[in-house]
Protein backbone atom coordinates (compact mmCIF):
# COMPACT_ATOMS: atom_id res chain seq x y z
CA MET A 1 9.21 3.62 -16.53
CA ARG A 2 8.88 0.03 -15.29
CA ARG A 3 10.11 -2.61 -17.68
CA ARG A 4 7.39 -4.67 -19.34
CA ALA A 5 6.81 -8.08 -17.78
CA ALA A 6 7.81 -11.21 -19.70
CA ILE A 7 7.63 -14.98 -19.41
CA SER A 8 10.99 -16.64 -18.77
CA PRO A 9 11.79 -20.37 -18.74
CA SER A 10 12.03 -20.35 -14.93
CA ARG A 11 8.71 -18.54 -14.40
CA ALA A 12 6.98 -20.82 -16.92
CA LYS A 13 8.35 -23.80 -15.02
CA ASP A 14 7.15 -22.27 -11.73
CA PHE A 15 3.56 -21.99 -12.94
CA ARG A 16 3.56 -25.53 -14.30
CA GLN A 17 4.89 -26.77 -10.96
CA CYS A 18 2.64 -24.65 -8.71
CA PRO A 19 0.64 -21.53 -9.67
CA LEU A 20 0.93 -20.19 -6.11
CA LEU A 21 4.72 -20.46 -6.28
CA PHE A 22 4.56 -18.48 -9.52
CA ARG A 23 2.47 -15.82 -7.80
CA PHE A 24 4.90 -15.44 -4.89
CA ARG A 25 7.82 -14.99 -7.28
CA ALA A 26 6.31 -13.09 -10.22
CA VAL A 27 3.51 -11.06 -8.61
CA ASP A 28 4.39 -10.63 -4.93
CA ARG A 29 8.13 -10.84 -5.62
CA LEU A 30 8.71 -12.14 -2.11
CA PRO A 31 12.34 -12.35 -0.98
CA GLU A 32 13.90 -15.79 -0.74
CA PRO A 33 16.89 -16.75 1.40
CA PRO A 34 19.95 -17.66 -0.68
CA SER A 35 20.75 -21.35 -1.04
CA GLN A 36 24.23 -22.80 -1.21
CA ALA A 37 23.40 -24.72 -4.38
CA ALA A 38 21.98 -21.72 -6.26
CA VAL A 39 24.79 -19.36 -5.25
CA LYS A 40 27.41 -21.97 -6.14
CA GLY A 41 25.82 -22.17 -9.56
CA SER A 42 25.97 -18.40 -9.96
CA LEU A 43 29.63 -18.38 -8.90
CA VAL A 44 30.69 -21.11 -11.33
CA HIS A 45 28.71 -19.47 -14.15
CA ALA A 46 30.47 -16.16 -13.48
CA VAL A 47 33.89 -17.82 -13.62
CA LEU A 48 33.11 -19.58 -16.91
CA GLU A 49 31.76 -16.36 -18.40
CA HIS A 50 34.91 -14.40 -17.52
CA LEU A 51 37.20 -17.25 -18.56
CA PHE A 52 36.41 -16.39 -22.19
CA ASP A 53 37.60 -12.82 -21.65
CA LEU A 54 41.12 -14.30 -21.66
CA PRO A 55 43.08 -15.04 -24.84
CA ALA A 56 42.49 -18.60 -26.04
CA ALA A 57 45.88 -19.88 -24.89
CA GLY A 58 45.29 -18.47 -21.41
CA ARG A 59 42.01 -20.33 -20.79
CA THR A 60 43.55 -22.94 -18.53
CA GLU A 61 42.17 -24.63 -15.45
CA GLU A 62 44.68 -22.71 -13.35
CA ALA A 63 43.36 -19.43 -14.77
CA ALA A 64 39.77 -20.47 -14.03
CA GLN A 65 40.66 -21.34 -10.44
CA GLU A 66 42.33 -17.93 -10.04
CA LEU A 67 39.10 -16.27 -11.20
CA LEU A 68 37.02 -17.92 -8.49
CA ASP A 69 38.03 -15.84 -5.46
CA PRO A 70 37.54 -12.44 -7.20
CA ARG A 71 34.12 -13.53 -8.48
CA TRP A 72 33.17 -14.69 -4.98
CA GLN A 73 34.19 -11.32 -3.56
CA GLU A 74 32.04 -9.59 -6.18
CA LEU A 75 29.03 -11.71 -5.24
CA GLN A 76 29.50 -10.88 -1.57
CA ALA A 77 29.74 -7.17 -2.36
CA THR A 78 26.32 -7.26 -4.02
CA ARG A 79 24.79 -9.69 -1.48
CA PRO A 80 26.34 -9.27 2.00
CA ASP A 81 23.78 -11.74 3.35
CA LEU A 82 25.42 -14.64 1.51
CA LEU A 83 27.78 -15.40 4.38
CA ARG A 84 24.76 -16.31 6.50
CA MET A 85 24.48 -19.50 4.45
CA PHE A 86 27.55 -20.87 6.24
CA SER A 87 27.95 -22.04 9.83
CA GLY A 88 31.59 -20.96 9.87
CA PRO A 89 34.90 -20.81 7.96
CA GLU A 90 35.08 -24.60 7.58
CA ASP A 91 31.62 -24.75 6.02
CA LEU A 92 32.52 -21.93 3.63
CA GLY A 93 35.84 -23.60 2.76
CA ALA A 94 34.13 -26.88 1.93
CA TRP A 95 31.61 -25.04 -0.26
CA LEU A 96 34.35 -23.22 -2.17
CA ALA A 97 36.16 -26.53 -2.63
CA GLU A 98 33.00 -27.94 -4.25
CA ALA A 99 32.91 -24.97 -6.63
CA ARG A 100 36.55 -25.58 -7.52
CA SER A 101 35.86 -29.24 -8.23
CA LEU A 102 33.09 -28.22 -10.65
CA LEU A 103 35.59 -26.07 -12.54
CA THR A 104 37.97 -29.02 -12.70
CA GLN A 105 35.13 -31.10 -14.12
CA TYR A 106 34.45 -28.47 -16.77
CA PHE A 107 37.97 -28.87 -18.18
CA ARG A 108 37.41 -32.62 -18.46
CA MET A 109 34.37 -31.95 -20.63
CA GLU A 110 35.43 -29.08 -22.88
CA ASN A 111 38.61 -27.45 -24.13
CA PRO A 112 37.92 -23.70 -23.96
CA THR A 113 41.11 -22.88 -25.86
CA ARG A 114 39.35 -24.24 -28.97
CA LEU A 115 36.13 -22.28 -28.48
CA GLU A 116 35.25 -18.71 -29.43
CA PRO A 117 31.71 -18.11 -28.22
CA ALA A 118 29.65 -15.64 -30.23
CA GLU A 119 27.72 -14.67 -27.09
CA ARG A 120 27.93 -15.19 -23.34
CA GLU A 121 25.22 -14.47 -20.75
CA MET A 122 23.15 -13.10 -23.61
CA LEU A 123 19.79 -11.49 -22.90
CA VAL A 124 17.26 -12.76 -25.46
CA GLU A 125 13.85 -11.16 -25.77
CA THR A 126 11.17 -11.64 -28.40
CA GLU A 127 7.46 -11.11 -28.80
CA LEU A 128 5.36 -13.90 -30.27
CA ALA A 129 2.74 -13.19 -32.91
CA SER A 130 0.13 -13.41 -30.14
CA GLY A 131 1.79 -10.48 -28.35
CA ILE A 132 3.30 -12.57 -25.53
CA LEU A 133 6.78 -11.37 -24.54
CA LEU A 134 9.44 -14.00 -23.83
CA ARG A 135 12.73 -13.26 -22.10
CA GLY A 136 15.72 -15.29 -20.98
CA PHE A 137 19.49 -15.38 -20.55
CA VAL A 138 21.55 -17.80 -22.64
CA ASP A 139 24.79 -18.97 -20.98
CA ARG A 140 26.68 -19.37 -24.24
CA MET A 141 26.03 -19.35 -27.96
CA ASP A 142 28.53 -20.79 -30.42
CA VAL A 143 28.30 -20.04 -34.14
CA ALA A 144 30.10 -22.26 -36.64
CA PRO A 145 31.70 -20.82 -39.82
CA ASN A 146 28.70 -22.09 -41.79
CA GLY A 147 26.33 -20.16 -39.54
CA MET A 148 25.03 -23.14 -37.57
CA VAL A 149 24.20 -22.19 -33.97
CA ARG A 150 24.76 -24.19 -30.80
CA VAL A 151 23.11 -23.04 -27.57
CA VAL A 152 24.97 -24.13 -24.42
CA ASP A 153 23.80 -24.05 -20.81
CA TYR A 154 25.94 -24.99 -17.81
CA LYS A 155 24.36 -26.93 -14.95
CA THR A 156 26.20 -27.43 -11.68
CA GLY A 157 23.96 -30.30 -10.61
CA ARG A 158 23.79 -33.87 -11.88
CA SER A 159 22.21 -34.92 -15.16
CA PRO A 160 18.58 -36.10 -15.02
CA HIS A 161 17.33 -39.65 -15.34
CA PRO A 162 16.27 -40.35 -18.94
CA ARG A 163 12.59 -40.16 -17.97
CA TYR A 164 13.10 -36.53 -16.90
CA GLN A 165 15.26 -35.41 -19.82
CA ASP A 166 12.34 -33.90 -21.72
CA GLU A 167 11.56 -31.64 -18.77
CA ALA A 168 15.25 -30.68 -18.54
CA LEU A 169 15.22 -29.67 -22.22
CA PHE A 170 12.20 -27.36 -21.77
CA GLN A 171 14.46 -24.41 -20.96
CA MET A 172 16.64 -25.07 -24.01
CA ARG A 173 13.66 -25.39 -26.36
CA PHE A 174 12.41 -22.10 -24.93
CA TYR A 175 15.72 -20.47 -25.93
CA ALA A 176 15.57 -22.12 -29.35
CA LEU A 177 12.06 -20.75 -29.94
CA MET A 178 13.15 -17.22 -29.04
CA LEU A 179 16.23 -17.37 -31.26
CA TRP A 180 14.21 -18.83 -34.14
CA ARG A 181 11.60 -16.08 -33.93
CA LEU A 182 14.33 -13.44 -33.67
CA HIS A 183 16.65 -14.61 -36.43
CA GLY A 184 14.53 -16.91 -38.60
CA ARG A 185 16.77 -19.94 -38.14
CA VAL A 186 16.36 -22.84 -35.73
CA PRO A 187 19.53 -23.50 -33.67
CA ALA A 188 21.24 -26.66 -34.87
CA ARG A 189 22.01 -27.98 -31.39
CA LEU A 190 20.97 -27.51 -27.77
CA GLN A 191 23.53 -28.64 -25.21
CA LEU A 192 23.27 -28.99 -21.44
CA VAL A 193 26.64 -29.42 -19.71
CA TYR A 194 26.16 -31.10 -16.32
CA LEU A 195 29.23 -30.42 -14.23
CA GLY A 196 27.87 -32.39 -11.28
CA ASP A 197 28.52 -35.73 -12.96
CA GLY A 198 30.40 -34.83 -16.14
CA ARG A 199 27.61 -35.69 -18.57
CA THR A 200 26.31 -33.76 -21.56
CA LEU A 201 22.73 -33.80 -22.82
CA THR A 202 22.27 -32.70 -26.42
CA HIS A 203 19.22 -32.24 -28.62
CA ASP A 204 18.80 -31.05 -32.21
CA PRO A 205 15.45 -29.23 -32.35
CA GLY A 206 13.08 -29.04 -35.29
CA GLU A 207 10.55 -26.46 -36.37
CA GLU A 208 7.54 -28.67 -35.57
CA GLU A 209 8.46 -29.08 -31.91
CA LEU A 210 9.10 -25.35 -31.54
CA VAL A 211 5.72 -24.55 -33.08
CA ALA A 212 4.18 -26.97 -30.58
CA LEU A 213 6.07 -25.27 -27.75
CA GLU A 214 4.80 -21.87 -28.90
CA ARG A 215 1.22 -23.18 -28.70
CA ASP A 216 1.92 -24.62 -25.24
CA LEU A 217 3.27 -21.26 -24.03
CA GLU A 218 0.20 -19.47 -25.37
CA SER A 219 -2.01 -21.93 -23.46
CA LEU A 220 0.14 -21.47 -20.38
CA TRP A 221 -0.22 -17.70 -20.63
CA ALA A 222 -3.99 -18.05 -20.95
CA ALA A 223 -4.00 -19.95 -17.65
CA ILE A 224 -1.68 -17.40 -16.00
CA SER A 225 -3.74 -14.42 -17.16
CA GLU A 226 -6.95 -16.08 -15.94
CA SER A 227 -5.36 -16.62 -12.52
CA ALA A 228 -4.20 -13.00 -12.51
CA ARG A 229 -7.61 -11.58 -13.44
CA THR A 230 -9.42 -13.70 -10.84
CA GLN A 231 -6.54 -13.25 -8.36
CA LYS A 232 -6.69 -16.98 -7.66
CA PHE A 233 -3.40 -18.86 -7.91
CA ALA A 234 -3.99 -22.41 -6.75
CA TYR A 235 -1.34 -24.31 -4.83
CA ARG A 236 -0.18 -27.69 -6.12
CA THR A 237 1.66 -30.02 -3.76
CA SER A 238 4.49 -32.30 -4.86
CA ARG A 239 7.81 -33.66 -3.62
CA LEU A 240 9.30 -30.27 -4.61
CA CYS A 241 7.43 -28.59 -1.73
CA SER A 242 10.27 -29.69 0.56
CA TRP A 243 12.54 -27.11 -1.09
CA CYS A 244 9.99 -24.26 -1.21
CA SER A 245 10.86 -21.07 0.66
CA PHE A 246 7.22 -19.99 0.97
CA GLN A 247 5.67 -22.69 3.14
CA SER A 248 4.73 -20.13 5.80
CA TYR A 249 2.47 -18.43 3.22
CA CYS A 250 1.03 -21.61 1.71
CA PRO A 251 -2.38 -23.00 2.83
CA ALA A 252 -1.08 -26.52 2.20
CA PHE A 253 1.24 -26.02 5.19
CA GLY A 254 -1.17 -24.04 7.37
CA GLY A 255 0.03 -20.68 6.10
CA GLU A 256 -1.98 -17.69 4.92
CA GLU A 257 -1.51 -16.02 1.56
CA PRO A 258 -0.50 -12.36 1.85
CA PRO A 259 -2.64 -9.66 0.18
CA MET A 260 -1.86 -9.06 -3.49
CA PRO A 261 0.63 -6.17 -3.80
CA PRO A 262 -0.70 -3.00 -5.46
CA GLY A 263 0.10 -3.07 -9.15
CA GLY A 264 1.51 -6.61 -9.10
CA VAL A 265 -1.23 -8.16 -11.21
CA GLU A 266 -1.46 -5.16 -13.51
CA HIS A 267 2.25 -5.37 -14.25
CA LEU A 268 2.08 -9.14 -14.84
CA LEU A 269 -0.61 -8.64 -17.48
CA THR A 270 1.78 -6.50 -19.53
CA VAL A 271 3.36 -9.81 -20.67
CA GLN A 272 0.89 -9.73 -23.56
CA ALA A 273 0.70 -6.60 -25.68
CA VAL A 274 -2.80 -5.22 -26.01
């Protein structure tokens, strides 16, 4: 039986950016070529996840660097096409060196020997009172002795300009809303760790803003479901179009939208329980 569809932070962001992009990813599920930046992020995340499998005293930078090559081999085993991202051994070597420098940066920002995460790469799923299913993966959750929760997300890019910080925190508020609805307690702190420039963005959420987010997500779902029922997902151009993998299918670039896949819309509509 196919798993019920859900709204994740990334898919919500897709629809807000461009409904047609959302359609290509969530309905058509079109393949996208791997990008060096995204795969580097996955690699560094995998290393930091496995770092906490080690005893506290063993969570050194040297140990993290030793974890990188095995994790890279595992990624290649699941995605043999990843090597096509590189023009040759020198290009690959430079890319791996960048990943290693991000791990070095991590140890300048946190001391993992003093941390005992309650959860890592945790799947969180909850249904709102309206029947909308939310789903996401939390990089790390720390729980203090007094029960206070900190939600941590690693970013391998650079921290945003202050004017874009609210948008950056959308994903974290999304996680906070899910955890609040699941456990009845708002996380005390949301923390984004930007390894690209060594900065940390923190926010302490409140119930009022999470209630407002819940209303926004319900409005967003109303717009998504209307697009699904009419089978009309409008394109929206922006500076982000330069990084889009689907320009050949987009009317804004002279492309032609492919036919809707059988069952794609029907599955999407399972986001909300009837």
